[in-house]
Amino acid sequence: MQQQAGVLYVVATPIGNLGDLTDRARKVLSEVDLIAAEDTRETRKLLGHFGISGALIAYHEHNETAVTPRLLDALEEGRNLALVSDAGTPLISDPGYTLVAAARSRGLTVTPVPGASAAICALSASGLPSDRFLFLGFPPRGQARRLAWFEAVAREPGTLIIHESGKRVLATLQDIESVLGGSRRLVIARELTKRFETFLTGRAEELMRRLESDEQQRLGEMVVLVEGCPDGDGDARQEECARVLRVLGESLPLSQAAALAARLTGGKKNALYQLGLDLGLGSESDRHPSGTRPGGPRDSG
């Protein structure tokens, strides 16, 4: 009889306040056969606080390639595993993707045990729009790469969510202002769920002055949230309309392509027709419907 495989639990842990560990997470951590931890020392402190004794194995960015096969073998042997990071939800700027992807590819069961996430925690209390957002993780450390990184998301209409170290936050704010402009609203959230939790709101220049004058606000890691591009939705819509028109224009006259594109995108037929002309779609008669061509009136015969 074939042995039933174990379950890989992806367990979120507190980002500061230990009271945020859910009852379900506590139960899973106390019952699994093995806990894969980003830093076993940090996880042992958490387990000790709740009186949990469990077998730990280090699983981090420097050893995940080597350790993943061992963990997969353990799952296939019927052992239940929990994956945790130092704080928050695993895989969100933390190790774990390699293991979860490999487990899924083998048909093993992967179950999330939800809880704290610094990015979502910060967004929920930031006062910035939360109906659309883009989580970016940590920016590149080199300025040239960081500038290009921000340039790639400059037209994104949703709120941008960034993780950053207090040691680099001033340089990152400077680059945000350089690439995204100085008019966007920003929020810096630090020490989330802890005693000295703070939310600083303002434009990039204002926040740089605030952090330069208060060294305490540059300690530890933080979440930086940036208001999305004000006209980003319009740009994205225009790009989508152009894409639809190009596809339809390959097999339909421009007038029909514009009419169908209007139904598909919700745009105006006349505006889409003009967009098609701007894109170089349609025939010569589409461009000169009055019976004229460049160079003068058409011959009457």
C-alpha atoms as a PDB file:
ATOM      1  CA  MET A   1       0.000   0.000   0.000  1.00  0.00           C
ATOM      2  CA  GLN A   2       1.426   3.334  -1.042  1.00  0.00           C
ATOM      3  CA  GLN A   3       2.146   5.736   1.802  1.00  0.00           C
ATOM      4  CA  GLN A   4       0.155   8.962   1.799  1.00  0.00           C
ATOM      5  CA  ALA A   5       2.310  12.044   1.225  1.00  0.00           C
ATOM      6  CA  GLY A   6       2.584  14.764   3.819  1.00  0.00           C
ATOM      7  CA  VAL A   7       1.404  18.365   3.614  1.00  0.00           C
ATOM      8  CA  LEU A   8       3.541  21.469   3.214  1.00  0.00           C
ATOM      9  CA  TYR A   9       2.059  24.302   5.290  1.00  0.00           C
ATOM     10  CA  VAL A  10       3.118  27.850   4.374  1.00  0.00           C
ATOM     11  CA  VAL A  11       2.752  29.568   7.734  1.00  0.00           C
ATOM     12  CA  ALA A  12       2.635  33.334   8.289  1.00  0.00           C
ATOM     13  CA  THR A  13       4.222  34.526  11.531  1.00  0.00           C
ATOM     14  CA  PRO A  14       3.998  37.907  13.346  1.00  0.00           C
ATOM     15  CA  ILE A  15       5.877  40.900  11.938  1.00  0.00           C
ATOM     16  CA  GLY A  16       6.315  42.378  15.402  1.00  0.00           C
ATOM     17  CA  ASN A  17       3.463  41.831  17.823  1.00  0.00           C
ATOM     18  CA  LEU A  18       3.507  38.180  18.906  1.00  0.00           C
ATOM     19  CA  GLY A  19      -0.205  38.384  19.616  1.00  0.00           C
ATOM     20  CA  ASP A  20      -0.758  38.281  15.855  1.00  0.00           C
ATOM     21  CA  LEU A  21       0.145  34.592  15.576  1.00  0.00           C
ATOM     22  CA  THR A  22      -3.150  32.889  14.767  1.00  0.00           C
ATOM     23  CA  ASP A  23      -4.501  29.916  16.702  1.00  0.00           C
ATOM     24  CA  ARG A  24      -4.344  27.845  13.532  1.00  0.00           C
ATOM     25  CA  ALA A  25      -0.684  28.729  12.949  1.00  0.00           C
ATOM     26  CA  ARG A  26       0.121  27.812  16.549  1.00  0.00           C
ATOM     27  CA  LYS A  27      -1.609  24.449  16.135  1.00  0.00           C
ATOM     28  CA  VAL A  28       0.139  23.667  12.853  1.00  0.00           C
ATOM     29  CA  LEU A  29       3.575  24.579  14.218  1.00  0.00           C
ATOM     30  CA  SER A  30       3.042  22.358  17.247  1.00  0.00           C
ATOM     31  CA  GLU A  31       1.896  19.353  15.209  1.00  0.00           C
ATOM     32  CA  VAL A  32       4.113  19.215  12.089  1.00  0.00           C
ATOM     33  CA  ASP A  33       7.080  16.861  11.918  1.00  0.00           C
ATOM     34  CA  LEU A  34       9.549  19.495  10.706  1.00  0.00           C
ATOM     35  CA  ILE A  35       9.717  23.284  10.456  1.00  0.00           C
ATOM     36  CA  ALA A  36      11.785  24.846   7.656  1.00  0.00           C
ATOM     37  CA  ALA A  37      12.878  28.239   8.983  1.00  0.00           C
ATOM     38  CA  GLU A  38      14.684  31.164   7.374  1.00  0.00           C
ATOM     39  CA  ASP A  39      16.644  31.708  10.602  1.00  0.00           C
ATOM     40  CA  THR A  40      16.297  28.903  13.127  1.00  0.00           C
ATOM     41  CA  ARG A  41      17.372  31.209  15.969  1.00  0.00           C
ATOM     42  CA  GLU A  42      14.508  33.628  15.330  1.00  0.00           C
ATOM     43  CA  THR A  43      11.973  30.843  14.891  1.00  0.00           C
ATOM     44  CA  ARG A  44      13.144  29.109  18.070  1.00  0.00           C
ATOM     45  CA  LYS A  45      12.434  32.330  20.001  1.00  0.00           C
ATOM     46  CA  LEU A  46       8.920  32.433  18.563  1.00  0.00           C
ATOM     47  CA  LEU A  47       8.257  28.787  19.340  1.00  0.00           C
ATOM     48  CA  GLY A  48       9.657  29.184  22.838  1.00  0.00           C
ATOM     49  CA  HIS A  49       7.298  32.084  23.553  1.00  0.00           C
ATOM     50  CA  PHE A  50       4.339  29.821  22.840  1.00  0.00           C
ATOM     51  CA  GLY A  51       5.796  26.732  24.487  1.00  0.00           C
ATOM     52  CA  ILE A  52       6.190  24.867  21.209  1.00  0.00           C
ATOM     53  CA  SER A  53       9.016  22.396  20.760  1.00  0.00           C
ATOM     54  CA  GLY A  54       9.618  21.286  17.208  1.00  0.00           C
ATOM     55  CA  ALA A  55      12.336  20.014  14.928  1.00  0.00           C
ATOM     56  CA  LEU A  56      13.871  22.835  12.870  1.00  0.00           C
ATOM     57  CA  ILE A  57      15.878  22.899   9.671  1.00  0.00           C
ATOM     58  CA  ALA A  58      17.449  26.022   8.174  1.00  0.00           C
ATOM     59  CA  TYR A  59      15.966  27.016   4.836  1.00  0.00           C
ATOM     60  CA  HIS A  60      17.165  30.309   3.343  1.00  0.00           C
ATOM     61  CA  GLU A  61      18.315  31.874   0.081  1.00  0.00           C
ATOM     62  CA  HIS A  62      21.836  30.478   0.432  1.00  0.00           C
ATOM     63  CA  ASN A  63      20.878  26.819   0.877  1.00  0.00           C
ATOM     64  CA  GLU A  64      17.408  26.393  -0.618  1.00  0.00           C
ATOM     65  CA  THR A  65      18.702  24.660  -3.755  1.00  0.00           C
ATOM     66  CA  ALA A  66      20.509  22.050  -1.670  1.00  0.00           C
ATOM     67  CA  VAL A  67      17.828  21.605   1.010  1.00  0.00           C
ATOM     68  CA  THR A  68      14.720  21.520  -1.214  1.00  0.00           C
ATOM     69  CA  PRO A  69      15.231  17.878  -2.371  1.00  0.00           C
ATOM     70  CA  ARG A  70      15.519  16.733   1.250  1.00  0.00           C
ATOM     71  CA  LEU A  71      12.278  18.469   2.170  1.00  0.00           C
ATOM     72  CA  LEU A  72      10.477  17.048  -0.845  1.00  0.00           C
ATOM     73  CA  ASP A  73      11.655  13.551   0.094  1.00  0.00           C
ATOM     74  CA  ALA A  74      10.336  14.094   3.622  1.00  0.00           C
ATOM     75  CA  LEU A  75       6.932  15.127   2.250  1.00  0.00           C
ATOM     76  CA  GLU A  76       6.769  12.085  -0.032  1.00  0.00           C
ATOM     77  CA  GLU A  77       7.630   9.877   2.952  1.00  0.00           C
ATOM     78  CA  GLY A  78       4.485  11.160   4.665  1.00  0.00           C
ATOM     79  CA  ARG A  79       5.951  13.809   6.963  1.00  0.00           C
ATOM     80  CA  ASN A  80       4.149  17.131   7.418  1.00  0.00           C
ATOM     81  CA  LEU A  81       6.263  20.288   7.066  1.00  0.00           C
ATOM     82  CA  ALA A  82       5.797  23.944   7.939  1.00  0.00           C
ATOM     83  CA  LEU A  83       7.616  26.700   6.055  1.00  0.00           C
ATOM     84  CA  VAL A  84       8.185  29.955   7.963  1.00  0.00           C
ATOM     85  CA  SER A  85      10.229  33.099   7.460  1.00  0.00           C
ATOM     86  CA  ASP A  86      11.652  35.372  10.146  1.00  0.00           C
ATOM     87  CA  ALA A  87       8.510  37.518  10.071  1.00  0.00           C
ATOM     88  CA  GLY A  88       5.345  37.759   8.008  1.00  0.00           C
ATOM     89  CA  THR A  89       4.231  35.587   5.111  1.00  0.00           C
ATOM     90  CA  PRO A  90       6.868  33.338   3.481  1.00  0.00           C
ATOM     91  CA  LEU A  91       7.800  33.999  -0.177  1.00  0.00           C
ATOM     92  CA  ILE A  92       6.843  37.698   0.085  1.00  0.00           C
ATOM     93  CA  SER A  93      10.413  39.071  -0.171  1.00  0.00           C
ATOM     94  CA  ASP A  94      11.453  35.914   1.691  1.00  0.00           C
ATOM     95  CA  PRO A  95      12.676  32.429   0.679  1.00  0.00           C
ATOM     96  CA  GLY A  96      10.282  29.620  -0.169  1.00  0.00           C
ATOM     97  CA  TYR A  97       9.364  29.890  -3.837  1.00  0.00           C
ATOM     98  CA  THR A  98      11.711  27.097  -4.905  1.00  0.00           C
ATOM     99  CA  LEU A  99      10.220  24.666  -2.402  1.00  0.00           C
ATOM    100  CA  VAL A 100       6.582  25.555  -3.054  1.00  0.00           C
ATOM    101  CA  ALA A 101       7.001  25.428  -6.842  1.00  0.00           C
ATOM    102  CA  ALA A 102       8.789  22.073  -6.656  1.00  0.00           C
ATOM    103  CA  ALA A 103       6.151  20.624  -4.322  1.00  0.00           C
ATOM    104  CA  ARG A 104       3.381  21.735  -6.671  1.00  0.00           C
ATOM    105  CA  SER A 105       5.181  20.239  -9.672  1.00  0.00           C
ATOM    106  CA  ARG A 106       5.273  16.861  -7.891  1.00  0.00           C
ATOM    107  CA  GLY A 107       1.566  17.024  -7.097  1.00  0.00           C
ATOM    108  CA  LEU A 108       2.133  17.445  -3.360  1.00  0.00           C
ATOM    109  CA  THR A 109      -0.349  19.345  -1.183  1.00  0.00           C
ATOM    110  CA  VAL A 110       0.631  22.909  -0.273  1.00  0.00           C
ATOM    111  CA  THR A 111      -1.655  24.677   2.209  1.00  0.00           C
ATOM    112  CA  PRO A 112      -1.438  28.348   3.239  1.00  0.00           C
ATOM    113  CA  VAL A 113      -1.892  29.320   6.865  1.00  0.00           C
ATOM    114  CA  PRO A 114      -2.525  33.067   6.480  1.00  0.00           C
ATOM    115  CA  GLY A 115      -1.563  35.834   8.834  1.00  0.00           C
ATOM    116  CA  ALA A 116       0.551  38.970   8.951  1.00  0.00           C
ATOM    117  CA  SER A 117       2.151  40.556   5.887  1.00  0.00           C
ATOM    118  CA  ALA A 118       4.034  43.839   6.233  1.00  0.00           C
ATOM    119  CA  ALA A 119       3.050  45.030   2.747  1.00  0.00           C
ATOM    120  CA  ILE A 120      -0.688  44.496   3.242  1.00  0.00           C
ATOM    121  CA  CYS A 121      -0.541  45.723   6.830  1.00  0.00           C
ATOM    122  CA  ALA A 122       1.051  48.993   5.687  1.00  0.00           C
ATOM    123  CA  LEU A 123      -1.334  49.435   2.755  1.00  0.00           C
ATOM    124  CA  SER A 124      -4.424  48.898   4.904  1.00  0.00           C
ATOM    125  CA  ALA A 125      -3.545  51.810   7.198  1.00  0.00           C
ATOM    126  CA  SER A 126      -1.748  54.099   4.734  1.00  0.00           C
ATOM    127  CA  GLY A 127      -4.662  56.109   3.412  1.00  0.00           C
ATOM    128  CA  LEU A 128      -3.497  55.508  -0.176  1.00  0.00           C
ATOM    129  CA  PRO A 129      -5.774  53.792  -2.717  1.00  0.00           C
ATOM    130  CA  SER A 130      -5.956  50.057  -2.096  1.00  0.00           C
ATOM    131  CA  ASP A 131      -8.202  48.902  -4.962  1.00  0.00           C
ATOM    132  CA  ARG A 132      -5.139  48.343  -7.146  1.00  0.00           C
ATOM    133  CA  PHE A 133      -1.529  47.999  -6.027  1.00  0.00           C
ATOM    134  CA  LEU A 134       1.800  46.598  -7.177  1.00  0.00           C
ATOM    135  CA  PHE A 135       4.154  44.955  -4.689  1.00  0.00           C
ATOM    136  CA  LEU A 136       7.764  45.430  -5.778  1.00  0.00           C
ATOM    137  CA  GLY A 137       9.827  44.102  -2.872  1.00  0.00           C
ATOM    138  CA  PHE A 138      13.285  45.563  -2.239  1.00  0.00           C
ATOM    139  CA  PRO A 139      14.722  47.967  -4.847  1.00  0.00           C
ATOM    140  CA  PRO A 140      18.120  47.208  -6.430  1.00  0.00           C
ATOM    141  CA  ARG A 141      21.039  48.619  -4.451  1.00  0.00           C
ATOM    142  CA  GLY A 142      22.910  50.295  -7.310  1.00  0.00           C
ATOM    143  CA  GLN A 143      21.517  53.692  -8.279  1.00  0.00           C
ATOM    144  CA  ALA A 144      21.549  53.084 -12.039  1.00  0.00           C
ATOM    145  CA  ARG A 145      19.579  49.865 -11.665  1.00  0.00           C
ATOM    146  CA  ARG A 146      17.269  51.465  -9.112  1.00  0.00           C
ATOM    147  CA  LEU A 147      16.461  54.377 -11.444  1.00  0.00           C
ATOM    148  CA  ALA A 148      15.658  51.946 -14.264  1.00  0.00           C
ATOM    149  CA  TRP A 149      13.586  49.867 -11.842  1.00  0.00           C
ATOM    150  CA  PHE A 150      11.392  52.869 -10.993  1.00  0.00           C
ATOM    151  CA  GLU A 151      11.227  53.949 -14.635  1.00  0.00           C
ATOM    152  CA  ALA A 152       9.668  50.592 -15.508  1.00  0.00           C
ATOM    153  CA  VAL A 153       6.707  51.261 -13.189  1.00  0.00           C
ATOM    154  CA  ALA A 154       6.406  55.025 -13.682  1.00  0.00           C
ATOM    155  CA  ARG A 155       3.035  54.730 -15.477  1.00  0.00           C
ATOM    156  CA  GLU A 156       1.520  52.171 -13.082  1.00  0.00           C
ATOM    157  CA  PRO A 157      -1.813  53.594 -11.817  1.00  0.00           C
ATOM    158  CA  GLY A 158      -1.926  51.459  -8.671  1.00  0.00           C
ATOM    159  CA  THR A 159      -0.208  52.175  -5.362  1.00  0.00           C
ATOM    160  CA  LEU A 160       3.423  50.986  -5.378  1.00  0.00           C
ATOM    161  CA  ILE A 161       4.567  49.015  -2.311  1.00  0.00           C
ATOM    162  CA  ILE A 162       8.294  48.797  -1.603  1.00  0.00           C
ATOM    163  CA  HIS A 163      10.356  47.239   1.168  1.00  0.00           C
ATOM    164  CA  GLU A 164      13.453  49.212   2.123  1.00  0.00           C
ATOM    165  CA  SER A 165      16.184  49.343   4.732  1.00  0.00           C
ATOM    166  CA  GLY A 166      16.597  52.444   6.861  1.00  0.00           C
ATOM    167  CA  LYS A 167      20.212  52.610   5.659  1.00  0.00           C
ATOM    168  CA  ARG A 168      19.105  53.106   2.052  1.00  0.00           C
ATOM    169  CA  VAL A 169      15.740  54.808   2.385  1.00  0.00           C
ATOM    170  CA  LEU A 170      17.038  58.352   1.739  1.00  0.00           C
ATOM    171  CA  ALA A 171      18.701  57.308  -1.524  1.00  0.00           C
ATOM    172  CA  THR A 172      15.538  55.492  -2.563  1.00  0.00           C
ATOM    173  CA  LEU A 173      13.352  58.518  -1.808  1.00  0.00           C
ATOM    174  CA  GLN A 174      15.694  60.685  -3.882  1.00  0.00           C
ATOM    175  CA  ASP A 175      15.369  58.302  -6.824  1.00  0.00           C
ATOM    176  CA  ILE A 176      11.583  58.171  -6.437  1.00  0.00           C
ATOM    177  CA  GLU A 177      11.471  61.948  -6.717  1.00  0.00           C
ATOM    178  CA  SER A 178      13.846  61.952  -9.711  1.00  0.00           C
ATOM    179  CA  VAL A 179      11.894  59.360 -11.704  1.00  0.00           C
ATOM    180  CA  LEU A 180       8.298  59.629 -10.494  1.00  0.00           C
ATOM    181  CA  GLY A 181       8.264  63.349  -9.756  1.00  0.00           C
ATOM    182  CA  GLY A 182       7.796  65.313  -6.570  1.00  0.00           C
ATOM    183  CA  SER A 183       4.021  65.591  -6.524  1.00  0.00           C
ATOM    184  CA  ARG A 184       3.021  62.060  -5.555  1.00  0.00           C
ATOM    185  CA  ARG A 185       1.901  61.221  -2.033  1.00  0.00           C
ATOM    186  CA  LEU A 186       4.122  58.797  -0.138  1.00  0.00           C
ATOM    187  CA  VAL A 187       3.746  56.905   3.123  1.00  0.00           C
ATOM    188  CA  ILE A 188       6.579  55.367   5.143  1.00  0.00           C
ATOM    189  CA  ALA A 189       5.497  52.702   7.619  1.00  0.00           C
ATOM    190  CA  ARG A 190       8.032  51.389  10.127  1.00  0.00           C
ATOM    191  CA  GLU A 191       8.032  49.284  13.284  1.00  0.00           C
ATOM    192  CA  LEU A 192       4.662  47.902  12.211  1.00  0.00           C
ATOM    193  CA  THR A 193       2.607  46.341  15.042  1.00  0.00           C
ATOM    194  CA  LYS A 194       5.340  47.274  17.562  1.00  0.00           C
ATOM    195  CA  ARG A 195       5.398  49.844  20.344  1.00  0.00           C
ATOM    196  CA  PHE A 196       6.942  52.635  18.257  1.00  0.00           C
ATOM    197  CA  GLU A 197       4.941  52.040  15.076  1.00  0.00           C
ATOM    198  CA  THR A 198       4.929  55.157  12.912  1.00  0.00           C
ATOM    199  CA  PHE A 199       3.333  56.251   9.647  1.00  0.00           C
ATOM    200  CA  LEU A 200       4.911  59.258   7.934  1.00  0.00           C
ATOM    201  CA  THR A 201       2.967  60.864   5.088  1.00  0.00           C
ATOM    202  CA  GLY A 202       4.095  63.507   2.601  1.00  0.00           C
ATOM    203  CA  ARG A 203       5.863  64.181  -0.688  1.00  0.00           C
ATOM    204  CA  ALA A 204       9.306  62.697  -1.268  1.00  0.00           C
ATOM    205  CA  GLU A 205      11.127  65.950  -0.425  1.00  0.00           C
ATOM    206  CA  GLU A 206       9.168  66.401   2.808  1.00  0.00           C
ATOM    207  CA  LEU A 207       9.884  62.860   3.935  1.00  0.00           C
ATOM    208  CA  MET A 208      13.583  63.172   3.141  1.00  0.00           C
ATOM    209  CA  ARG A 209      13.795  66.260   5.350  1.00  0.00           C
ATOM    210  CA  ARG A 210      11.917  64.481   8.108  1.00  0.00           C
ATOM    211  CA  LEU A 211      14.178  61.435   8.033  1.00  0.00           C
ATOM    212  CA  GLU A 212      17.361  63.505   7.808  1.00  0.00           C
ATOM    213  CA  SER A 213      16.370  65.406  10.947  1.00  0.00           C
ATOM    214  CA  ASP A 214      15.285  62.315  12.935  1.00  0.00           C
ATOM    215  CA  GLU A 215      17.738  59.430  12.962  1.00  0.00           C
ATOM    216  CA  GLN A 216      15.276  57.236  14.862  1.00  0.00           C
ATOM    217  CA  GLN A 217      13.008  57.163  11.816  1.00  0.00           C
ATOM    218  CA  ARG A 218      15.804  55.573   9.787  1.00  0.00           C
ATOM    219  CA  LEU A 219      16.230  52.518  12.010  1.00  0.00           C
ATOM    220  CA  GLY A 220      15.252  49.045  10.855  1.00  0.00           C
ATOM    221  CA  GLU A 221      13.321  48.003   7.775  1.00  0.00           C
ATOM    222  CA  MET A 222      10.252  49.774   6.539  1.00  0.00           C
ATOM    223  CA  VAL A 223       7.522  49.756   3.943  1.00  0.00           C
ATOM    224  CA  VAL A 224       7.413  52.669   1.486  1.00  0.00           C
ATOM    225  CA  LEU A 225       4.136  53.236  -0.356  1.00  0.00           C
ATOM    226  CA  VAL A 226       3.934  55.512  -3.400  1.00  0.00           C
ATOM    227  CA  GLU A 227       0.787  56.927  -4.954  1.00  0.00           C
ATOM    228  CA  GLY A 228       0.180  55.528  -8.444  1.00  0.00           C
ATOM    229  CA  CYS A 229       0.498  57.514 -11.670  1.00  0.00           C
ATOM    230  CA  PRO A 230      -2.482  59.909 -11.856  1.00  0.00           C
ATOM    231  CA  ASP A 231      -3.070  59.292 -15.572  1.00  0.00           C
ATOM    232  CA  GLY A 232      -1.785  55.740 -15.632  1.00  0.00           C
ATOM    233  CA  ASP A 233      -5.257  54.276 -16.203  1.00  0.00           C
ATOM    234  CA  GLY A 234      -5.670  56.359 -19.333  1.00  0.00           C
ATOM    235  CA  ASP A 235      -2.330  55.229 -20.700  1.00  0.00           C
ATOM    236  CA  ALA A 236      -3.088  51.589 -19.992  1.00  0.00           C
ATOM    237  CA  ARG A 237      -6.505  51.901 -21.645  1.00  0.00           C
ATOM    238  CA  GLN A 238      -4.990  53.568 -24.732  1.00  0.00           C
ATOM    239  CA  GLU A 239      -2.423  50.788 -25.034  1.00  0.00           C
ATOM    240  CA  GLU A 240      -5.113  48.126 -24.773  1.00  0.00           C
ATOM    241  CA  CYS A 241      -7.260  49.852 -27.415  1.00  0.00           C
ATOM    242  CA  ALA A 242      -4.245  50.052 -29.744  1.00  0.00           C
ATOM    243  CA  ARG A 243      -3.493  46.368 -29.227  1.00  0.00           C
ATOM    244  CA  VAL A 244      -7.093  45.348 -30.004  1.00  0.00           C
ATOM    245  CA  LEU A 245      -7.184  47.573 -33.093  1.00  0.00           C
ATOM    246  CA  ARG A 246      -3.957  46.123 -34.463  1.00  0.00           C
ATOM    247  CA  VAL A 247      -5.267  42.562 -34.088  1.00  0.00           C
ATOM    248  CA  LEU A 248      -8.638  43.332 -35.673  1.00  0.00           C
ATOM    249  CA  GLY A 249      -7.073  45.492 -38.378  1.00  0.00           C
ATOM    250  CA  GLU A 250      -5.156  42.485 -39.706  1.00  0.00           C
ATOM    251  CA  SER A 251      -8.358  40.978 -41.112  1.00  0.00           C
ATOM    252  CA  LEU A 252     -11.007  43.734 -41.092  1.00  0.00           C
ATOM    253  CA  PRO A 253     -11.446  47.152 -42.723  1.00  0.00           C
ATOM    254  CA  LEU A 254     -10.660  49.949 -40.291  1.00  0.00           C
ATOM    255  CA  SER A 255     -14.298  51.019 -39.913  1.00  0.00           C
ATOM    256  CA  GLN A 256     -15.339  47.518 -38.884  1.00  0.00           C
ATOM    257  CA  ALA A 257     -12.276  47.081 -36.678  1.00  0.00           C
ATOM    258  CA  ALA A 258     -13.068  50.347 -34.868  1.00  0.00           C
ATOM    259  CA  ALA A 259     -16.709  49.356 -34.379  1.00  0.00           C
ATOM    260  CA  LEU A 260     -15.785  45.945 -32.947  1.00  0.00           C
ATOM    261  CA  ALA A 261     -12.999  47.419 -30.810  1.00  0.00           C
ATOM    262  CA  ALA A 262     -15.521  49.859 -29.336  1.00  0.00           C
ATOM    263  CA  ARG A 263     -17.701  46.933 -28.264  1.00  0.00           C
ATOM    264  CA  LEU A 264     -14.739  45.050 -26.783  1.00  0.00           C
ATOM    265  CA  THR A 265     -13.091  47.938 -24.942  1.00  0.00           C
ATOM    266  CA  GLY A 266     -15.972  50.298 -24.194  1.00  0.00           C
ATOM    267  CA  GLY A 267     -14.299  53.085 -26.165  1.00  0.00           C
ATOM    268  CA  LYS A 268     -15.857  55.492 -28.627  1.00  0.00           C
ATOM    269  CA  LYS A 269     -16.011  54.289 -32.248  1.00  0.00           C
ATOM    270  CA  ASN A 270     -14.933  57.605 -33.774  1.00  0.00           C
ATOM    271  CA  ALA A 271     -12.004  57.974 -31.380  1.00  0.00           C
ATOM    272  CA  LEU A 272     -10.915  54.409 -32.095  1.00  0.00           C
ATOM    273  CA  TYR A 273     -11.188  55.036 -35.836  1.00  0.00           C
ATOM    274  CA  GLN A 274      -8.875  58.041 -35.481  1.00  0.00           C
ATOM    275  CA  LEU A 275      -6.514  56.000 -33.310  1.00  0.00           C
ATOM    276  CA  GLY A 276      -6.406  53.404 -36.073  1.00  0.00           C
ATOM    277  CA  LEU A 277      -5.446  56.091 -38.589  1.00  0.00           C
ATOM    278  CA  ASP A 278      -2.732  57.342 -36.219  1.00  0.00           C
ATOM    279  CA  LEU A 279      -1.395  53.788 -36.010  1.00  0.00           C
ATOM    280  CA  GLY A 280      -1.200  53.551 -39.790  1.00  0.00           C
ATOM    281  CA  LEU A 281      -4.085  51.100 -40.122  1.00  0.00           C
ATOM    282  CA  GLY A 282      -6.692  51.196 -42.890  1.00  0.00           C
ATOM    283  CA  SER A 283      -6.549  51.833 -46.621  1.00  0.00           C
ATOM    284  CA  GLU A 284      -5.831  55.005 -48.573  1.00  0.00           C
ATOM    285  CA  SER A 285      -9.562  55.709 -48.833  1.00  0.00           C
ATOM    286  CA  ASP A 286      -9.842  55.539 -45.027  1.00  0.00           C
ATOM    287  CA  ARG A 287      -7.258  58.307 -44.760  1.00  0.00           C
ATOM    288  CA  HIS A 288      -8.873  60.492 -47.434  1.00  0.00           C
ATOM    289  CA  PRO A 289     -12.608  59.761 -47.337  1.00  0.00           C
ATOM    290  CA  SER A 290     -13.533  63.018 -49.138  1.00  0.00           C
ATOM    291  CA  GLY A 291     -12.126  61.726 -52.410  1.00  0.00           C
ATOM    292  CA  THR A 292      -8.830  63.589 -52.240  1.00  0.00           C
ATOM    293  CA  ARG A 293      -5.302  62.360 -52.122  1.00  0.00           C
ATOM    294  CA  PRO A 294      -2.147  64.125 -51.041  1.00  0.00           C
ATOM    295  CA  GLY A 295      -1.134  66.497 -53.813  1.00  0.00           C
ATOM    296  CA  GLY A 296      -4.532  67.851 -54.908  1.00  0.00           C
ATOM    297  CA  PRO A 297      -8.088  66.989 -55.913  1.00  0.00           C
ATOM    298  CA  ARG A 298      -8.850  63.650 -57.456  1.00  0.00           C
ATOM    299  CA  ASP A 299      -9.275  63.675 -61.274  1.00  0.00           C
ATOM    300  CA  SER A 300     -12.914  63.505 -62.353  1.00  0.00           C
ATOM    301  CA  GLY A 301     -12.020  61.600 -65.496  1.00  0.00           C
END
